[in-house]
C-alpha atoms as a PDB file:
ATOM      1  CA  MET A   1      10.035 -11.808  -2.508  1.00  0.00           C
ATOM      2  CA  THR A   2      11.533  -8.079  -2.527  1.00  0.00           C
ATOM      3  CA  THR A   3      12.945  -6.652  -5.333  1.00  0.00           C
ATOM      4  CA  LEU A   4      14.500  -3.401  -6.022  1.00  0.00           C
ATOM      5  CA  ALA A   5      15.807  -2.575  -9.729  1.00  0.00           C
ATOM      6  CA  ARG A   6      19.184  -0.655  -9.753  1.00  0.00           C
ATOM      7  CA  GLU A   7      18.225   1.434 -12.429  1.00  0.00           C
ATOM      8  CA  SER A   8      14.876   2.515 -11.054  1.00  0.00           C
ATOM      9  CA  ARG A   9      13.567   3.545  -7.414  1.00  0.00           C
ATOM     10  CA  ASP A  10      10.970   0.707  -7.966  1.00  0.00           C
ATOM     11  CA  VAL A  11      10.242  -1.620  -4.924  1.00  0.00           C
ATOM     12  CA  HIS A  12       7.869  -4.817  -5.492  1.00  0.00           C
ATOM     13  CA  ILE A  13       6.926  -6.674  -2.101  1.00  0.00           C
ATOM     14  CA  GLU A  14       5.080 -10.043  -2.127  1.00  0.00           C
ATOM     15  CA  THR A  15       3.847 -10.564   1.540  1.00  0.00           C
ATOM     16  CA  PRO A  16       1.062 -13.484   2.910  1.00  0.00           C
ATOM     17  CA  ALA A  17      -1.974 -12.067   3.022  1.00  0.00           C
ATOM     18  CA  ARG A  18      -1.711 -11.436   6.951  1.00  0.00           C
ATOM     19  CA  ALA A  19      -1.897  -8.026   9.344  1.00  0.00           C
ATOM     20  CA  GLY A  20       1.337  -9.295  10.913  1.00  0.00           C
ATOM     21  CA  TYR A  21       3.114  -8.893   7.507  1.00  0.00           C
ATOM     22  CA  LEU A  22       2.209  -5.068   6.631  1.00  0.00           C
ATOM     23  CA  VAL A  23       4.609  -4.096   8.704  1.00  0.00           C
ATOM     24  CA  LEU A  24       7.115  -5.224   5.830  1.00  0.00           C
ATOM     25  CA  ALA A  25       5.758  -2.997   3.296  1.00  0.00           C
ATOM     26  CA  ARG A  26       5.233  -0.481   5.824  1.00  0.00           C
ATOM     27  CA  LEU A  27       8.756  -0.186   5.881  1.00  0.00           C
ATOM     28  CA  ALA A  28       9.737  -0.604   2.527  1.00  0.00           C
ATOM     29  CA  LEU A  29       7.497   2.727   1.992  1.00  0.00           C
ATOM     30  CA  SER A  30       9.402   4.850   4.685  1.00  0.00           C
ATOM     31  CA  ALA A  31      12.263   3.530   3.179  1.00  0.00           C
ATOM     32  CA  ILE A  32      11.477   5.052  -0.587  1.00  0.00           C
ATOM     33  CA  CYS A  33      10.136   8.045   1.414  1.00  0.00           C
ATOM     34  CA  ARG A  34      13.429   8.951   2.504  1.00  0.00           C
ATOM     35  CA  LEU A  35      14.043   9.506  -1.380  1.00  0.00           C
ATOM     36  CA  THR A  36      11.358  12.034  -1.437  1.00  0.00           C
ATOM     37  CA  PRO A  37      10.740  15.567   0.035  1.00  0.00           C
ATOM     38  CA  LEU A  38       7.588  14.273   1.892  1.00  0.00           C
ATOM     39  CA  GLU A  39       7.248  15.865   5.739  1.00  0.00           C
ATOM     40  CA  HIS A  40       7.314  12.851   7.932  1.00  0.00           C
ATOM     41  CA  THR A  41       3.383  13.730   8.747  1.00  0.00           C
ATOM     42  CA  GLU A  42       2.955  12.722   5.112  1.00  0.00           C
ATOM     43  CA  VAL A  43       5.175   9.393   5.365  1.00  0.00           C
ATOM     44  CA  ALA A  44       2.472   8.903   8.361  1.00  0.00           C
ATOM     45  CA  ASP A  45      -0.426   9.274   6.399  1.00  0.00           C
ATOM     46  CA  LEU A  46       1.196   7.283   3.415  1.00  0.00           C
ATOM     47  CA  LYS A  47       1.744   4.340   5.937  1.00  0.00           C
ATOM     48  CA  LEU A  48      -1.958   4.731   7.353  1.00  0.00           C
ATOM     49  CA  ALA A  49      -3.211   4.409   3.768  1.00  0.00           C
ATOM     50  CA  VAL A  50      -1.260   1.630   2.501  1.00  0.00           C
ATOM     51  CA  THR A  51      -2.453  -0.267   5.966  1.00  0.00           C
ATOM     52  CA  GLU A  52      -6.085   0.253   4.879  1.00  0.00           C
ATOM     53  CA  ALA A  53      -5.644  -0.677   1.869  1.00  0.00           C
ATOM     54  CA  ALA A  54      -4.193  -3.375   2.609  1.00  0.00           C
ATOM     55  CA  SER A  55      -7.065  -4.331   4.740  1.00  0.00           C
ATOM     56  CA  GLY A  56      -9.091  -5.508   1.736  1.00  0.00           C
ATOM     57  CA  PHE A  57      -6.703  -8.216   0.755  1.00  0.00           C
ATOM     58  CA  LEU A  58      -6.034  -9.577   3.888  1.00  0.00           C
ATOM     59  CA  ALA A  59      -7.476 -13.471   4.507  1.00  0.00           C
ATOM     60  CA  ASP A  60      -9.887 -13.877   6.900  1.00  0.00           C
ATOM     61  CA  GLY A  61      -9.354 -15.346  10.810  1.00  0.00           C
ATOM     62  CA  ASP A  62      -6.500 -17.958  11.550  1.00  0.00           C
ATOM     63  CA  GLU A  63      -7.430 -20.179   8.866  1.00  0.00           C
ATOM     64  CA  PRO A  64      -4.561 -21.494   6.706  1.00  0.00           C
ATOM     65  CA  SER A  65      -3.729 -19.555   3.945  1.00  0.00           C
ATOM     66  CA  GLU A  66      -1.888 -19.353   0.746  1.00  0.00           C
ATOM     67  CA  ALA A  67      -2.941 -16.036  -0.038  1.00  0.00           C
ATOM     68  CA  MET A  68      -0.218 -13.157  -0.404  1.00  0.00           C
ATOM     69  CA  ILE A  69      -0.234  -8.988  -1.368  1.00  0.00           C
ATOM     70  CA  GLU A  70       1.923  -7.771  -3.654  1.00  0.00           C
ATOM     71  CA  PHE A  71       3.288  -4.526  -2.769  1.00  0.00           C
ATOM     72  CA  SER A  72       4.879  -2.084  -5.834  1.00  0.00           C
ATOM     73  CA  PHE A  73       6.050   1.238  -5.112  1.00  0.00           C
ATOM     74  CA  ARG A  74       6.996   3.071  -7.725  1.00  0.00           C
ATOM     75  CA  LEU A  75       8.912   6.594  -7.714  1.00  0.00           C
ATOM     76  CA  ALA A  76       8.865   9.219 -10.293  1.00  0.00           C
ATOM     77  CA  ASP A  77      10.004  12.763  -9.951  1.00  0.00           C
ATOM     78  CA  ASP A  78       6.646  14.249  -9.473  1.00  0.00           C
ATOM     79  CA  ARG A  79       4.769  11.181  -7.748  1.00  0.00           C
ATOM     80  CA  LEU A  80       4.921   8.269  -5.674  1.00  0.00           C
ATOM     81  CA  GLU A  81       2.657   5.577  -6.320  1.00  0.00           C
ATOM     82  CA  LEU A  82       1.602   2.729  -4.768  1.00  0.00           C
ATOM     83  CA  GLU A  83      -0.351  -0.515  -5.770  1.00  0.00           C
ATOM     84  CA  LEU A  84      -1.516  -3.260  -4.036  1.00  0.00           C
ATOM     85  CA  ARG A  85      -2.824  -6.390  -5.526  1.00  0.00           C
ATOM     86  CA  GLY A  86      -4.417  -9.563  -3.883  1.00  0.00           C
ATOM     87  CA  THR A  87      -7.670 -11.661  -3.416  1.00  0.00           C
ATOM     88  CA  PRO A  88     -10.363  -9.439  -2.091  1.00  0.00           C
ATOM     89  CA  GLY A  89     -11.155 -10.617   1.410  1.00  0.00           C
ATOM     90  CA  ASN A  90     -14.826 -10.461   2.938  1.00  0.00           C
ATOM     91  CA  ALA A  91     -14.531  -7.505   4.623  1.00  0.00           C
ATOM     92  CA  PRO A  92     -18.137  -6.018   5.904  1.00  0.00           C
ATOM     93  CA  ALA A  93     -19.246  -3.298   3.823  1.00  0.00           C
ATOM     94  CA  ALA A  94     -19.089  -0.679   6.419  1.00  0.00           C
ATOM     95  CA  GLU A  95     -15.339  -1.317   7.187  1.00  0.00           C
ATOM     96  CA  ARG A  96     -14.703  -1.168   3.401  1.00  0.00           C
ATOM     97  CA  GLU A  97     -15.751   2.237   3.548  1.00  0.00           C
ATOM     98  CA  LEU A  98     -14.074   3.386   6.456  1.00  0.00           C
ATOM     99  CA  SER A  99     -10.789   2.060   4.239  1.00  0.00           C
ATOM    100  CA  HIS A 100     -11.973   3.866   1.525  1.00  0.00           C
ATOM    101  CA  ALA A 101     -12.617   7.189   3.374  1.00  0.00           C
ATOM    102  CA  ILE A 102      -9.202   7.276   5.203  1.00  0.00           C
ATOM    103  CA  VAL A 103      -6.969   6.640   1.727  1.00  0.00           C
ATOM    104  CA  GLU A 104      -8.858   9.408   0.168  1.00  0.00           C
ATOM    105  CA  ALA A 105      -8.237  11.193   3.306  1.00  0.00           C
ATOM    106  CA  THR A 106      -4.120  10.930   3.180  1.00  0.00           C
ATOM    107  CA  VAL A 107      -3.435  10.351  -0.696  1.00  0.00           C
ATOM    108  CA  ASP A 108      -3.983  12.763  -3.633  1.00  0.00           C
ATOM    109  CA  ASP A 109      -5.643   9.829  -6.104  1.00  0.00           C
ATOM    110  CA  PHE A 110      -6.388   6.731  -5.772  1.00  0.00           C
ATOM    111  CA  SER A 111      -8.656   3.969  -7.657  1.00  0.00           C
ATOM    112  CA  PHE A 112     -10.048   0.434  -6.434  1.00  0.00           C
ATOM    113  CA  GLU A 113     -10.601  -1.905  -8.318  1.00  0.00           C
ATOM    114  CA  SER A 114     -11.336  -6.178  -7.945  1.00  0.00           C
ATOM    115  CA  GLY A 115      -8.131  -7.514  -6.659  1.00  0.00           C
ATOM    116  CA  ARG A 116      -6.435  -3.891  -7.249  1.00  0.00           C
ATOM    117  CA  ALA A 117      -5.801  -0.686  -5.075  1.00  0.00           C
ATOM    118  CA  LEU A 118      -3.864   2.258  -6.789  1.00  0.00           C
ATOM    119  CA  LEU A 119      -2.827   5.014  -4.945  1.00  0.00           C
ATOM    120  CA  VAL A 120      -0.574   8.280  -5.969  1.00  0.00           C
ATOM    121  CA  LYS A 121       0.795  10.875  -3.712  1.00  0.00           C
ATOM    122  CA  ARG A 122       1.893  14.067  -5.960  1.00  0.00           C
ATOM    123  CA  LEU A 123       5.861  15.532  -4.732  1.00  0.00           C
ATOM    124  CA  ALA A 124       6.248  19.214  -4.699  1.00  0.00           C
ATOM    125  CA  ALA A 125       8.140  20.042  -7.413  1.00  0.00           C
END
């Protein structure tokens, strides 16, 4: 499900928690970034950050799963917030640490909690 509120610049996407569906979130993020002053390399960094943050919510293996990941993108005048919600996966600790390090290197602020990741990219004035 995808929603875009006409009176806002917020987008919400919910996809199955499978790696193949992450492209949908990356495409939505690319479209939102067209409304910002972000450079091409910054957009590429954000897409990487979303992919890495989402990896913590992916369903394991090829087993059938009803798990979903919710992506909420909120564009404000001074920042772009990317919120992900889902059921935490069973990725090894070393893999989670690497994903967090990549996110830390590509966004301005972030937080990870059980079932939620919040990434923030500040926009130039």
